[in-house]
Amino acid sequence: MNIEATGEFVVNVVSEAIAGQMNLCSGEYPPDVDEFALSGLTPEPSLVVKPPRVRESPAAMECRLLQIVRIGTLANGGNLVIGEVLRFHVDDAAISNYRVDPEKLLAIGRMGGPEYTRTRDRFPMIRPGGA
C-alpha cells in the first residue's frame, strides 16, 4: 500500500463530472501503471505532502497517516485509513457565502460493490440544543 510506505496521502472529492475517470483508476493494475495517464486526470503538485492531488477534483485534502485499521484478512477485506488533514483545497467555483456549496460540488459517494450515490437529496437536521 503506497500510503503505508510513504505515510502521506491525498483524499480527492469525486464530482459527477469525473466519475467515469475515477472508475478507471479503481482497476487492479500493476504498480508501474500510471493511473493519471490511464484516466486522463491531471496530477497537481500538493503543497505539504508528496503525493499529487487531482486537478479536476473540486476539493482535496492533503493528509498525514495516523493509523491503518485492518478490517479483514479474507478476499475483499479492507483497511480503514485514518489521517490528519494538513491542507484543504476547495475550488472557488464550489464556494457560496464562504461555505462549500453541495449544489456546486456535485460530489458522489461509494456505497458498496459497484453502487454509487449522488449527494443531491439532502435535508437539514438541527442537533438538539444547537445549530
C-alpha atoms as a PDB file:
ATOM      1  CA  MET A   1       0.000   0.000   0.000  1.00  0.00           C
ATOM      2  CA  ASN A   2       1.508   3.353  -1.033  1.00  0.00           C
ATOM      3  CA  ILE A   3       0.052   5.138   1.991  1.00  0.00           C
ATOM      4  CA  GLU A   4       1.772   2.711   4.331  1.00  0.00           C
ATOM      5  CA  ALA A   5       5.114   3.162   2.569  1.00  0.00           C
ATOM      6  CA  THR A   6       5.039   6.971   2.435  1.00  0.00           C
ATOM      7  CA  GLY A   7       2.908   7.933   5.437  1.00  0.00           C
ATOM      8  CA  GLU A   8       1.146  10.541   3.282  1.00  0.00           C
ATOM      9  CA  PHE A   9      -1.911  10.621   1.020  1.00  0.00           C
ATOM     10  CA  VAL A  10      -4.444  12.882  -0.638  1.00  0.00           C
ATOM     11  CA  VAL A  11      -8.206  12.416  -0.477  1.00  0.00           C
ATOM     12  CA  ASN A  12      -9.777  13.887  -3.614  1.00  0.00           C
ATOM     13  CA  VAL A  13     -13.520  14.556  -3.696  1.00  0.00           C
ATOM     14  CA  VAL A  14     -15.029  12.957  -6.785  1.00  0.00           C
ATOM     15  CA  SER A  15     -17.633  15.033  -8.586  1.00  0.00           C
ATOM     16  CA  GLU A  16     -20.171  13.736 -11.072  1.00  0.00           C
ATOM     17  CA  ALA A  17     -18.038  15.288 -13.831  1.00  0.00           C
ATOM     18  CA  ILE A  18     -15.069  12.988 -13.183  1.00  0.00           C
ATOM     19  CA  ALA A  19     -16.900   9.848 -12.001  1.00  0.00           C
ATOM     20  CA  GLY A  20     -16.019   7.835 -15.102  1.00  0.00           C
ATOM     21  CA  GLN A  21     -12.350   8.769 -14.872  1.00  0.00           C
ATOM     22  CA  MET A  22     -12.288   7.863 -11.165  1.00  0.00           C
ATOM     23  CA  ASN A  23     -13.775   4.482 -12.028  1.00  0.00           C
ATOM     24  CA  LEU A  24     -10.924   3.839 -14.490  1.00  0.00           C
ATOM     25  CA  CYS A  25      -8.496   4.345 -11.584  1.00  0.00           C
ATOM     26  CA  SER A  26     -10.243   1.695  -9.469  1.00  0.00           C
ATOM     27  CA  GLY A  27      -8.991  -1.249 -11.514  1.00  0.00           C
ATOM     28  CA  GLU A  28      -6.386  -3.767 -10.388  1.00  0.00           C
ATOM     29  CA  TYR A  29      -3.212  -2.620 -12.141  1.00  0.00           C
ATOM     30  CA  PRO A  30       0.475  -3.442 -11.717  1.00  0.00           C
ATOM     31  CA  PRO A  31       2.457  -0.825  -9.756  1.00  0.00           C
ATOM     32  CA  ASP A  32       4.063   0.573 -12.937  1.00  0.00           C
ATOM     33  CA  VAL A  33       0.709   1.681 -14.439  1.00  0.00           C
ATOM     34  CA  ASP A  34       0.215   5.459 -14.281  1.00  0.00           C
ATOM     35  CA  GLU A  35      -3.452   5.885 -13.344  1.00  0.00           C
ATOM     36  CA  PHE A  36      -3.296   9.607 -14.171  1.00  0.00           C
ATOM     37  CA  ALA A  37      -2.282   8.765 -17.748  1.00  0.00           C
ATOM     38  CA  LEU A  38      -4.813   5.920 -17.921  1.00  0.00           C
ATOM     39  CA  SER A  39      -7.733   8.081 -16.781  1.00  0.00           C
ATOM     40  CA  GLY A  40      -6.803  11.395 -18.368  1.00  0.00           C
ATOM     41  CA  LEU A  41      -6.888  13.115 -14.969  1.00  0.00           C
ATOM     42  CA  THR A  42      -4.195  15.691 -14.243  1.00  0.00           C
ATOM     43  CA  PRO A  43      -1.719  15.432 -11.343  1.00  0.00           C
ATOM     44  CA  GLU A  44      -1.440  18.697  -9.412  1.00  0.00           C
ATOM     45  CA  PRO A  45       1.506  19.118  -7.007  1.00  0.00           C
ATOM     46  CA  SER A  46       0.432  19.112  -3.373  1.00  0.00           C
ATOM     47  CA  LEU A  47       1.708  21.818  -1.063  1.00  0.00           C
ATOM     48  CA  VAL A  48       2.684  19.831   2.052  1.00  0.00           C
ATOM     49  CA  VAL A  49       2.677  16.123   1.071  1.00  0.00           C
ATOM     50  CA  LYS A  50       4.469  14.305  -1.744  1.00  0.00           C
ATOM     51  CA  PRO A  51       1.512  12.569  -3.454  1.00  0.00           C
ATOM     52  CA  PRO A  52      -0.146  14.797  -6.058  1.00  0.00           C
ATOM     53  CA  ARG A  53      -3.753  15.981  -5.968  1.00  0.00           C
ATOM     54  CA  VAL A  54      -6.216  15.556  -8.850  1.00  0.00           C
ATOM     55  CA  ARG A  55      -6.510  18.933 -10.579  1.00  0.00           C
ATOM     56  CA  GLU A  56     -10.069  18.195 -11.753  1.00  0.00           C
ATOM     57  CA  SER A  57     -11.284  17.402  -8.225  1.00  0.00           C
ATOM     58  CA  PRO A  58     -13.393  20.198  -6.710  1.00  0.00           C
ATOM     59  CA  ALA A  59     -11.895  19.554  -3.252  1.00  0.00           C
ATOM     60  CA  ALA A  60      -8.859  17.723  -1.916  1.00  0.00           C
ATOM     61  CA  MET A  61      -7.318  17.040   1.490  1.00  0.00           C
ATOM     62  CA  GLU A  62      -3.579  16.580   1.919  1.00  0.00           C
ATOM     63  CA  CYS A  63      -3.115  14.120   4.794  1.00  0.00           C
ATOM     64  CA  ARG A  64      -0.532  12.506   7.049  1.00  0.00           C
ATOM     65  CA  LEU A  65      -1.166   8.886   8.025  1.00  0.00           C
ATOM     66  CA  LEU A  66      -2.144   8.317  11.657  1.00  0.00           C
ATOM     67  CA  GLN A  67      -3.346   4.706  11.625  1.00  0.00           C
ATOM     68  CA  ILE A  68      -4.401   1.846   9.367  1.00  0.00           C
ATOM     69  CA  VAL A  69      -7.062  -0.455  10.810  1.00  0.00           C
ATOM     70  CA  ARG A  70      -7.235  -3.845   9.078  1.00  0.00           C
ATOM     71  CA  ILE A  71     -10.920  -4.714   8.591  1.00  0.00           C
ATOM     72  CA  GLY A  72     -10.475  -8.262   7.361  1.00  0.00           C
ATOM     73  CA  THR A  73      -7.925 -10.731   6.045  1.00  0.00           C
ATOM     74  CA  LEU A  74     -10.180 -12.544   3.567  1.00  0.00           C
ATOM     75  CA  ALA A  75     -10.548 -11.604  -0.102  1.00  0.00           C
ATOM     76  CA  ASN A  76     -12.292  -8.240  -0.468  1.00  0.00           C
ATOM     77  CA  GLY A  77     -11.400  -7.380   3.111  1.00  0.00           C
ATOM     78  CA  GLY A  78     -10.325  -3.810   3.529  1.00  0.00           C
ATOM     79  CA  ASN A  79      -8.449  -1.231   5.506  1.00  0.00           C
ATOM     80  CA  LEU A  80      -9.663   1.872   7.277  1.00  0.00           C
ATOM     81  CA  VAL A  81      -7.097   4.610   6.719  1.00  0.00           C
ATOM     82  CA  ILE A  82      -7.133   7.389   9.316  1.00  0.00           C
ATOM     83  CA  GLY A  83      -5.186  10.544   8.650  1.00  0.00           C
ATOM     84  CA  GLU A  84      -4.657  14.073   9.849  1.00  0.00           C
ATOM     85  CA  VAL A  85      -5.701  16.703   7.302  1.00  0.00           C
ATOM     86  CA  LEU A  86      -2.782  19.096   6.863  1.00  0.00           C
ATOM     87  CA  ARG A  87      -4.129  21.199   3.986  1.00  0.00           C
ATOM     88  CA  PHE A  88      -7.600  21.519   2.490  1.00  0.00           C
ATOM     89  CA  HIS A  89      -8.156  22.739  -1.087  1.00  0.00           C
ATOM     90  CA  VAL A  90     -11.557  23.759  -2.468  1.00  0.00           C
ATOM     91  CA  ASP A  91     -12.242  25.135  -5.939  1.00  0.00           C
ATOM     92  CA  ASP A  92     -13.633  28.681  -5.684  1.00  0.00           C
ATOM     93  CA  ALA A  93     -16.426  27.613  -8.052  1.00  0.00           C
ATOM     94  CA  ALA A  94     -17.736  25.292  -5.290  1.00  0.00           C
ATOM     95  CA  ILE A  95     -17.996  28.075  -2.669  1.00  0.00           C
ATOM     96  CA  SER A  96     -21.018  30.239  -1.805  1.00  0.00           C
ATOM     97  CA  ASN A  97     -21.085  32.632   1.161  1.00  0.00           C
ATOM     98  CA  TYR A  98     -17.717  31.324   2.406  1.00  0.00           C
ATOM     99  CA  ARG A  99     -19.009  27.737   2.582  1.00  0.00           C
ATOM    100  CA  VAL A 100     -18.739  24.695   0.356  1.00  0.00           C
ATOM    101  CA  ASP A 101     -21.979  24.591  -1.647  1.00  0.00           C
ATOM    102  CA  PRO A 102     -23.115  20.985  -2.185  1.00  0.00           C
ATOM    103  CA  GLU A 103     -25.134  22.072  -5.235  1.00  0.00           C
ATOM    104  CA  LYS A 104     -21.906  23.253  -6.867  1.00  0.00           C
ATOM    105  CA  LEU A 105     -19.667  20.470  -5.526  1.00  0.00           C
ATOM    106  CA  LEU A 106     -21.846  17.691  -7.034  1.00  0.00           C
ATOM    107  CA  ALA A 107     -19.927  15.038  -5.092  1.00  0.00           C
ATOM    108  CA  ILE A 108     -20.589  11.341  -5.464  1.00  0.00           C
ATOM    109  CA  GLY A 109     -20.057   8.641  -2.843  1.00  0.00           C
ATOM    110  CA  ARG A 110     -19.297   4.956  -2.931  1.00  0.00           C
ATOM    111  CA  MET A 111     -21.976   2.762  -1.426  1.00  0.00           C
ATOM    112  CA  GLY A 112     -20.558  -0.740  -1.859  1.00  0.00           C
ATOM    113  CA  GLY A 113     -19.733  -3.048  -4.710  1.00  0.00           C
ATOM    114  CA  PRO A 114     -20.396  -1.212  -7.970  1.00  0.00           C
ATOM    115  CA  GLU A 115     -23.004   1.133  -6.405  1.00  0.00           C
ATOM    116  CA  TYR A 116     -22.511   4.896  -6.032  1.00  0.00           C
ATOM    117  CA  THR A 117     -24.792   7.711  -4.896  1.00  0.00           C
ATOM    118  CA  ARG A 118     -25.239  11.365  -5.772  1.00  0.00           C
ATOM    119  CA  THR A 119     -25.407  13.909  -2.962  1.00  0.00           C
ATOM    120  CA  ARG A 120     -28.419  15.790  -4.336  1.00  0.00           C
ATOM    121  CA  ASP A 121     -31.086  14.541  -1.922  1.00  0.00           C
ATOM    122  CA  ARG A 122     -30.209  16.364   1.291  1.00  0.00           C
ATOM    123  CA  PHE A 123     -32.236  17.554   4.249  1.00  0.00           C
ATOM    124  CA  PRO A 124     -31.361  19.588   7.345  1.00  0.00           C
ATOM    125  CA  MET A 125     -31.487  18.120  10.834  1.00  0.00           C
ATOM    126  CA  ILE A 126     -30.683  20.522  13.669  1.00  0.00           C
ATOM    127  CA  ARG A 127     -28.965  18.982  16.677  1.00  0.00           C
ATOM    128  CA  PRO A 128     -30.777  19.432  19.982  1.00  0.00           C
ATOM    129  CA  GLY A 129     -29.526  22.463  21.858  1.00  0.00           C
ATOM    130  CA  GLY A 130     -27.532  23.901  18.972  1.00  0.00           C
ATOM    131  CA  ALA A 131     -27.224  24.736  15.336  1.00  0.00           C
END
